[in-house]
C-alpha cells in the first residue's frame, strides 16, 4: 500500500481541524456549553421555564449591543460610546413618556424618539470618524463623555417611572412567550439576513483593507457611518429592553455595556483589527458573559471577591478566543 493511501486519514484530520478554526464561533459554542454545564451544577432548575426566561431577559441587551459593536468592528472601527448611548436613550424615553402623559400614544412616541436618538448618536460617531478621518477609539471616547453628560442633564439621578403597561407587555408578551424571546429570534433572523447582503461583504472588505476598498470604488465613508448608525440603533433597542425590566430611568445605566460589548465580540472570535469575524460568535459571547454573571450570583462567592473571580473567568475565556483567532490567522 502506497504512502499516499496511508496519508489519507491524516489529511482528513487536517482538513477537519482547518475547517474548525475557519469558523470563529465554534470555540465560543464550546465555551457556552461549558458555562451552561457549570450553571446546571450550581442551579439545578436552570432549564426551568422561569429560569430560562430570566436568563434570556438578562442576555438580550448584551446581545443587542454586542451585535452592533460587531458591525462596527467588521468595518475596522470601534465604538466606546455605546454604553453612554444606552444611558441617554434610557433617560430621554422615561422623561418624554412622562411629559406626554404616559398613555399608549406617549409610549409609542417615546420609543420611536429613543430609537431615532440612538441611531443619530451612532451616525454622528461614524460621520466624525469617516469624514474627518479621526481615530475611532479617541472620537467615540469623547462622544461617550458628551452623551453621558447629556444623560445627566436630562435626568441628574435615577428616577422617574413608566406606565405599568410598558413592562407588563415586555414581561408577559404574547401567546405564552415573553417579548424578549421574540426579540431574540428577530435579532438572529436579521443578523442572518444581513450576512447574505452586499453590505456585510463591503463592510468586511473595508475593515480588511480600507485603502484597497476605497480604490475599488466602495463608498467607505457611508459604509463606516452606516455601521455606527446600526450600533447606535441596537444600543437604543437595548435601552428600551432594560426599561422593560427596570421601569425607571438611570443616567448611569449603560456604563458596563461598552467594554462588555467589546469582550463579547472578542469571545465570539471576531478580530478587533476588523475584516473578519462572526455575528453568531458575538451573540454567543454575550450569552457567555451573562452566564458568567449568573455563576457569580448563584455560587455564593463573597461580594469582596466577586469582581476578581468574574474578571479571571472572563480573562481566561478571552484568552481562548484570542488563541482561536491566531490559529485562524
Protein backbone atom coordinates (compact mmCIF):
# COMPACT_ATOMS: atom_id res chain seq x y z
CA UNK A 1 0.00 0.00 0.00
CA UNK A 2 1.44 3.36 -1.03
CA UNK A 3 2.35 6.17 1.36
CA UNK A 4 -0.27 8.39 -0.35
CA UNK A 5 -3.04 5.99 0.64
CA UNK A 6 -1.75 5.72 4.20
CA UNK A 7 -1.65 9.50 4.44
CA UNK A 8 -5.37 9.95 3.64
CA UNK A 9 -6.60 9.75 7.31
CA UNK A 10 -4.06 12.36 8.45
CA UNK A 11 -5.08 14.63 5.57
CA UNK A 12 -8.74 14.28 6.54
CA UNK A 13 -7.91 15.16 10.15
CA UNK A 14 -6.00 18.23 8.94
CA UNK A 15 -8.96 19.35 6.81
CA UNK A 16 -11.35 18.91 9.73
CA UNK A 17 -9.01 20.89 12.01
CA UNK A 18 -8.72 23.71 9.50
CA UNK A 19 -12.49 23.83 8.94
CA UNK A 20 -12.97 24.11 12.71
CA UNK A 21 -10.69 27.13 13.01
CA UNK A 22 -12.28 28.80 9.98
CA UNK A 23 -15.49 29.18 11.97
CA UNK A 24 -14.70 31.57 14.81
CA UNK A 25 -17.93 30.89 16.65
CA UNK A 26 -17.30 27.16 17.15
CA UNK A 27 -14.90 27.61 20.06
CA UNK A 28 -17.34 30.13 21.55
CA UNK A 29 -20.06 27.49 21.28
CA UNK A 30 -17.85 25.03 23.17
CA UNK A 31 -17.27 27.62 25.90
CA UNK A 32 -21.02 28.28 26.02
CA UNK A 33 -21.71 24.58 26.63
CA UNK A 34 -19.09 24.54 29.40
CA UNK A 35 -20.65 27.53 31.17
CA UNK A 36 -24.15 26.08 30.76
CA UNK A 37 -22.86 22.91 32.45
CA UNK A 38 -21.44 24.92 35.33
CA UNK A 39 -24.75 26.76 35.71
CA UNK A 40 -26.62 23.47 35.83
CA UNK A 41 -24.34 22.24 38.63
CA UNK A 42 -24.92 25.30 40.82
CA UNK A 43 -28.53 25.91 39.75
CA UNK A 44 -30.35 22.57 39.29
CA UNK A 45 -33.50 24.26 37.94
CA UNK A 46 -31.52 26.09 35.26
CA UNK A 47 -33.70 24.68 32.46
CA UNK A 48 -37.00 25.57 34.08
CA UNK A 49 -39.16 27.95 32.05
CA UNK A 50 -38.88 30.64 34.71
CA UNK A 51 -35.08 30.46 34.96
CA UNK A 52 -34.57 30.39 31.19
CA UNK A 53 -36.94 33.33 30.76
CA UNK A 54 -34.96 35.38 33.27
CA UNK A 55 -31.64 34.46 31.64
CA UNK A 56 -32.86 35.40 28.15
CA UNK A 57 -34.18 38.68 29.51
CA UNK A 58 -30.77 39.37 31.07
CA UNK A 59 -28.85 38.30 27.96
CA UNK A 60 -30.83 40.27 25.39
CA UNK A 61 -29.42 43.80 25.97
CA UNK A 62 -25.87 42.41 25.96
CA UNK A 63 -26.55 40.58 22.71
CA UNK A 64 -28.06 43.62 21.01
CA UNK A 65 -25.13 45.87 21.89
CA UNK A 66 -22.60 43.16 21.03
CA UNK A 67 -24.13 42.73 17.57
CA UNK A 68 -23.99 46.48 16.98
CA UNK A 69 -20.36 46.57 18.10
CA UNK A 70 -19.58 43.65 15.80
CA UNK A 71 -20.68 45.53 12.69
CA UNK A 72 -18.56 48.50 13.74
CA UNK A 73 -15.51 46.28 14.27
CA UNK A 74 -16.16 44.48 10.98
CA UNK A 75 -15.50 47.82 9.31
CA UNK A 76 -12.19 48.33 11.12
CA UNK A 77 -13.61 50.79 13.66
CA UNK A 78 -14.69 50.59 17.31
CA UNK A 79 -17.32 52.41 19.37
CA UNK A 80 -16.72 53.22 23.03
CA UNK A 81 -19.88 55.32 23.31
CA UNK A 82 -22.47 52.56 23.09
CA UNK A 83 -22.95 52.38 26.87
CA UNK A 84 -23.41 56.15 27.02
CA UNK A 85 -25.98 55.94 24.20
CA UNK A 86 -27.87 53.36 26.28
CA UNK A 87 -27.89 55.75 29.23
CA UNK A 88 -29.00 58.74 27.15
CA UNK A 89 -31.82 56.87 25.41
CA UNK A 90 -32.86 55.37 28.73
CA UNK A 91 -33.46 58.70 30.45
CA UNK A 92 -34.84 60.52 27.39
CA UNK A 93 -37.51 57.87 26.85
CA UNK A 94 -38.57 57.95 30.51
CA UNK A 95 -38.73 61.75 30.68
CA UNK A 96 -40.53 62.06 27.33
CA UNK A 97 -43.17 59.43 28.08
CA UNK A 98 -43.83 61.04 31.47
CA UNK A 99 -44.05 64.53 29.93
CA UNK A 100 -46.55 63.30 27.31
CA UNK A 101 -48.87 61.85 29.92
CA UNK A 102 -47.87 58.17 29.95
CA UNK A 103 -50.64 56.90 27.66
CA UNK A 104 -50.23 54.37 24.82
CA UNK A 105 -49.53 57.15 22.33
CA UNK A 106 -46.91 58.63 24.63
CA UNK A 107 -45.18 55.28 24.95
CA UNK A 108 -45.05 54.80 21.17
CA UNK A 109 -43.72 58.32 20.61
CA UNK A 110 -41.17 57.90 23.39
CA UNK A 111 -39.87 54.62 21.99
CA UNK A 112 -39.66 55.98 18.44
CA UNK A 113 -37.83 59.05 19.71
CA UNK A 114 -35.40 56.83 21.63
CA UNK A 115 -34.66 54.70 18.56
CA UNK A 116 -34.08 57.79 16.43
CA UNK A 117 -31.86 59.35 19.07
CA UNK A 118 -29.68 56.24 19.38
CA UNK A 119 -29.36 55.94 15.60
CA UNK A 120 -28.41 59.62 15.24
CA UNK A 121 -25.79 59.35 18.01
CA UNK A 122 -24.23 56.36 16.28
CA UNK A 123 -24.39 58.06 12.88
CA UNK A 124 -22.67 61.14 14.33
CA UNK A 125 -19.83 58.92 15.54
CA UNK A 126 -19.49 57.40 12.08
CA UNK A 127 -19.60 60.80 10.41
CA UNK A 128 -16.86 62.24 12.61
CA UNK A 129 -14.66 59.21 12.08
CA UNK A 130 -15.15 58.80 8.33
CA UNK A 131 -15.46 62.43 7.21
CA UNK A 132 -12.59 63.85 9.26
CA UNK A 133 -10.52 60.64 9.43
CA UNK A 134 -10.37 60.76 13.20
CA UNK A 135 -9.26 57.82 15.30
CA UNK A 136 -12.33 55.82 16.25
CA UNK A 137 -11.20 54.94 19.77
CA UNK A 138 -10.48 58.58 20.66
CA UNK A 139 -13.53 60.00 18.91
CA UNK A 140 -16.04 57.62 20.47
CA UNK A 141 -14.43 58.01 23.88
CA UNK A 142 -15.00 61.77 23.56
CA UNK A 143 -18.59 61.37 22.38
CA UNK A 144 -19.24 58.91 25.22
CA UNK A 145 -18.41 61.74 27.64
CA UNK A 146 -20.77 64.07 25.77
CA UNK A 147 -23.63 61.55 25.62
CA UNK A 148 -23.12 60.56 29.25
CA UNK A 149 -23.11 64.22 30.31
CA UNK A 150 -26.28 64.84 28.32
CA UNK A 151 -27.94 61.92 30.12
CA UNK A 152 -27.10 63.52 33.47
CA UNK A 153 -28.51 66.84 32.28
CA UNK A 154 -31.79 65.19 31.27
CA UNK A 155 -32.07 63.20 34.49
CA UNK A 156 -29.45 64.06 37.16
CA UNK A 157 -30.23 60.99 39.25
CA UNK A 158 -32.07 57.72 38.86
CA UNK A 159 -35.80 58.14 38.99
CA UNK A 160 -38.96 58.63 37.03
CA UNK A 161 -41.29 55.80 36.17
CA UNK A 162 -43.02 54.23 33.20
CA UNK A 163 -46.65 53.13 32.95
CA UNK A 164 -47.20 49.60 34.22
CA UNK A 165 -48.40 48.62 30.73
CA UNK A 166 -44.85 49.07 29.40
CA UNK A 167 -43.15 46.41 31.50
CA UNK A 168 -46.29 44.26 31.66
CA UNK A 169 -46.26 43.83 27.87
CA UNK A 170 -42.49 43.32 27.92
CA UNK A 171 -42.54 40.62 30.59
CA UNK A 172 -45.75 38.83 29.58
CA UNK A 173 -45.50 39.08 25.80
CA UNK A 174 -47.94 37.26 23.53
CA UNK A 175 -49.15 33.70 23.02
CA UNK A 176 -47.36 32.41 26.09
CA UNK A 177 -43.92 33.76 25.16
CA UNK A 178 -42.29 36.84 26.63
CA UNK A 179 -41.29 39.73 24.39
CA UNK A 180 -37.52 39.14 24.92
CA UNK A 181 -37.88 35.73 23.25
CA UNK A 182 -39.49 37.30 20.18
CA UNK A 183 -36.80 39.98 20.09
CA UNK A 184 -34.03 37.39 20.35
CA UNK A 185 -35.47 35.41 17.44
CA UNK A 186 -35.83 38.63 15.44
CA UNK A 187 -32.20 39.57 16.20
CA UNK A 188 -30.94 36.20 14.96
CA UNK A 189 -33.05 36.37 11.79
CA UNK A 190 -31.96 39.94 11.00
CA UNK A 191 -28.29 39.06 11.56
CA UNK A 192 -28.66 36.02 9.29
CA UNK A 193 -30.25 38.20 6.60
CA UNK A 194 -27.57 40.91 6.83
CA UNK A 195 -24.91 38.19 6.45
CA UNK A 196 -26.28 37.45 2.98
CA UNK A 197 -26.24 41.07 1.81
CA UNK A 198 -23.61 43.01 -0.10
CA UNK A 199 -23.40 45.48 2.76
CA UNK A 200 -21.75 42.99 5.14
CA UNK A 201 -19.34 41.89 2.40
CA UNK A 202 -18.44 45.52 1.72
CA UNK A 203 -18.13 46.15 5.46
CA UNK A 204 -15.70 43.25 5.88
CA UNK A 205 -13.75 44.40 2.83
CA UNK A 206 -13.49 47.88 4.34
CA UNK A 207 -12.25 46.51 7.65
CA UNK A 208 -9.80 44.16 5.96
CA UNK A 209 -8.12 46.87 3.87
CA UNK A 210 -9.74 50.28 3.86
CA UNK A 211 -7.40 51.74 1.25
CA UNK A 212 -7.99 48.86 -1.14
CA UNK A 213 -11.77 49.10 -0.56
CA UNK A 214 -11.66 52.81 -1.40
CA UNK A 215 -9.62 52.19 -4.54
CA UNK A 216 -12.10 49.58 -5.78
CA UNK A 217 -14.87 52.18 -5.59
CA UNK A 218 -16.64 51.17 -2.39
CA UNK A 219 -18.35 54.08 -0.56
CA UNK A 220 -16.16 53.65 2.50
CA UNK A 221 -17.49 56.69 4.35
CA UNK A 222 -21.11 55.60 4.02
CA UNK A 223 -20.22 52.04 4.97
CA UNK A 224 -18.46 53.09 8.18
CA UNK A 225 -21.14 55.63 9.04
CA UNK A 226 -23.84 53.01 8.46
CA UNK A 227 -22.12 50.53 10.79
CA UNK A 228 -22.00 53.10 13.59
CA UNK A 229 -25.65 54.04 12.97
CA UNK A 230 -26.62 50.36 13.28
CA UNK A 231 -24.67 50.12 16.54
CA UNK A 232 -26.47 53.21 17.87
CA UNK A 233 -29.85 51.74 16.89
CA UNK A 234 -29.01 48.42 18.60
CA UNK A 235 -27.98 50.30 21.73
CA UNK A 236 -31.28 52.18 21.70
CA UNK A 237 -33.22 48.91 21.42
CA UNK A 238 -31.16 47.57 24.34
CA UNK A 239 -32.08 50.66 26.38
CA UNK A 240 -35.78 50.03 25.72
CA UNK A 241 -35.34 46.41 26.81
CA UNK A 242 -33.63 47.49 30.03
CA UNK A 243 -36.54 49.82 30.73
CA UNK A 244 -38.87 46.84 30.32
CA UNK A 245 -37.23 45.35 33.41
CA UNK A 246 -36.17 48.39 35.46
CA UNK A 247 -39.20 50.55 34.75
CA UNK A 248 -37.30 53.74 35.64
CA UNK A 249 -34.58 55.95 34.23
CA UNK A 250 -30.93 55.81 35.24
CA UNK A 251 -28.29 58.10 33.67
CA UNK A 252 -25.53 55.66 34.66
CA UNK A 253 -27.30 52.54 33.41
CA UNK A 254 -25.08 51.88 30.40
CA UNK A 255 -21.60 52.17 31.89
CA UNK A 256 -20.87 48.44 31.95
CA UNK A 257 -22.12 47.72 28.45
CA UNK A 258 -19.37 49.37 26.41
CA UNK A 259 -16.45 47.19 27.44
CA UNK A 260 -18.84 44.27 27.85
CA UNK A 261 -19.77 44.53 24.17
CA UNK A 262 -16.08 44.50 23.17
CA UNK A 263 -15.49 41.46 25.40
CA UNK A 264 -18.43 39.66 23.80
CA UNK A 265 -17.09 40.39 20.32
CA UNK A 266 -13.65 39.02 21.21
CA UNK A 267 -15.19 35.99 22.94
CA UNK A 268 -17.06 35.36 19.70
CA UNK A 269 -13.80 35.16 17.76
CA UNK A 270 -14.06 38.42 15.84
CA UNK A 271 -10.73 40.13 15.15
CA UNK A 272 -10.54 43.62 16.64
CA UNK A 273 -8.45 44.66 13.64
CA UNK A 274 -11.57 44.28 11.51
CA UNK A 275 -12.34 42.44 8.30
CA UNK A 276 -13.04 39.04 9.81
CA UNK A 277 -15.39 37.55 12.38
CA UNK A 278 -18.90 36.35 13.12
CA UNK A 279 -22.09 37.94 14.41
CA UNK A 280 -23.13 34.48 15.62
CA UNK A 281 -19.99 34.37 17.74
CA UNK A 282 -20.77 37.76 19.26
CA UNK A 283 -24.28 36.62 20.23
CA UNK A 284 -22.74 33.54 21.86
CA UNK A 285 -20.09 35.71 23.51
CA UNK A 286 -22.77 37.92 25.04
CA UNK A 287 -24.56 34.82 26.30
CA UNK A 288 -21.30 33.65 27.90
CA UNK A 289 -20.92 36.97 29.73
CA UNK A 290 -24.47 36.69 31.06
CA UNK A 291 -23.84 33.10 32.20
CA UNK A 292 -20.64 34.16 33.96
CA UNK A 293 -22.63 36.78 35.87
CA UNK A 294 -25.18 34.08 36.70
CA UNK A 295 -22.43 31.79 38.01
CA UNK A 296 -21.04 34.55 40.22
CA UNK A 297 -24.50 35.31 41.60
CA UNK A 298 -25.52 31.74 42.45
CA UNK A 299 -22.14 30.43 43.59
CA UNK A 300 -22.31 32.36 46.86
CA UNK A 301 -18.91 33.99 46.43
CA UNK A 302 -18.25 36.77 48.91
CA UNK A 303 -19.07 40.20 47.48
CA UNK A 304 -15.50 41.38 48.06
CA UNK A 305 -14.09 38.72 45.72
CA UNK A 306 -16.85 38.66 43.07
CA UNK A 307 -15.19 41.18 40.75
CA UNK A 308 -11.85 39.34 40.96
CA UNK A 309 -13.42 35.97 40.14
CA UNK A 310 -15.53 37.45 37.35
CA UNK A 311 -12.53 39.17 35.80
CA UNK A 312 -10.45 36.00 35.99
CA UNK A 313 -13.11 33.91 34.26
CA UNK A 314 -13.60 36.49 31.51
CA UNK A 315 -9.83 36.79 31.04
CA UNK A 316 -9.47 33.03 30.64
CA UNK A 317 -12.35 32.92 28.15
CA UNK A 318 -10.90 35.86 26.20
CA UNK A 319 -7.52 34.13 26.06
CA UNK A 320 -9.18 31.11 24.49
CA UNK A 321 -10.88 33.37 21.93
CA UNK A 322 -7.58 35.09 21.05
CA UNK A 323 -5.94 31.68 20.66
CA UNK A 324 -8.67 30.65 18.22
CA UNK A 325 -8.25 33.89 16.28
CA UNK A 326 -4.50 33.37 15.97
CA UNK A 327 -4.99 29.80 14.78
CA UNK A 328 -7.29 31.14 12.05
CA UNK A 329 -4.72 33.74 11.00
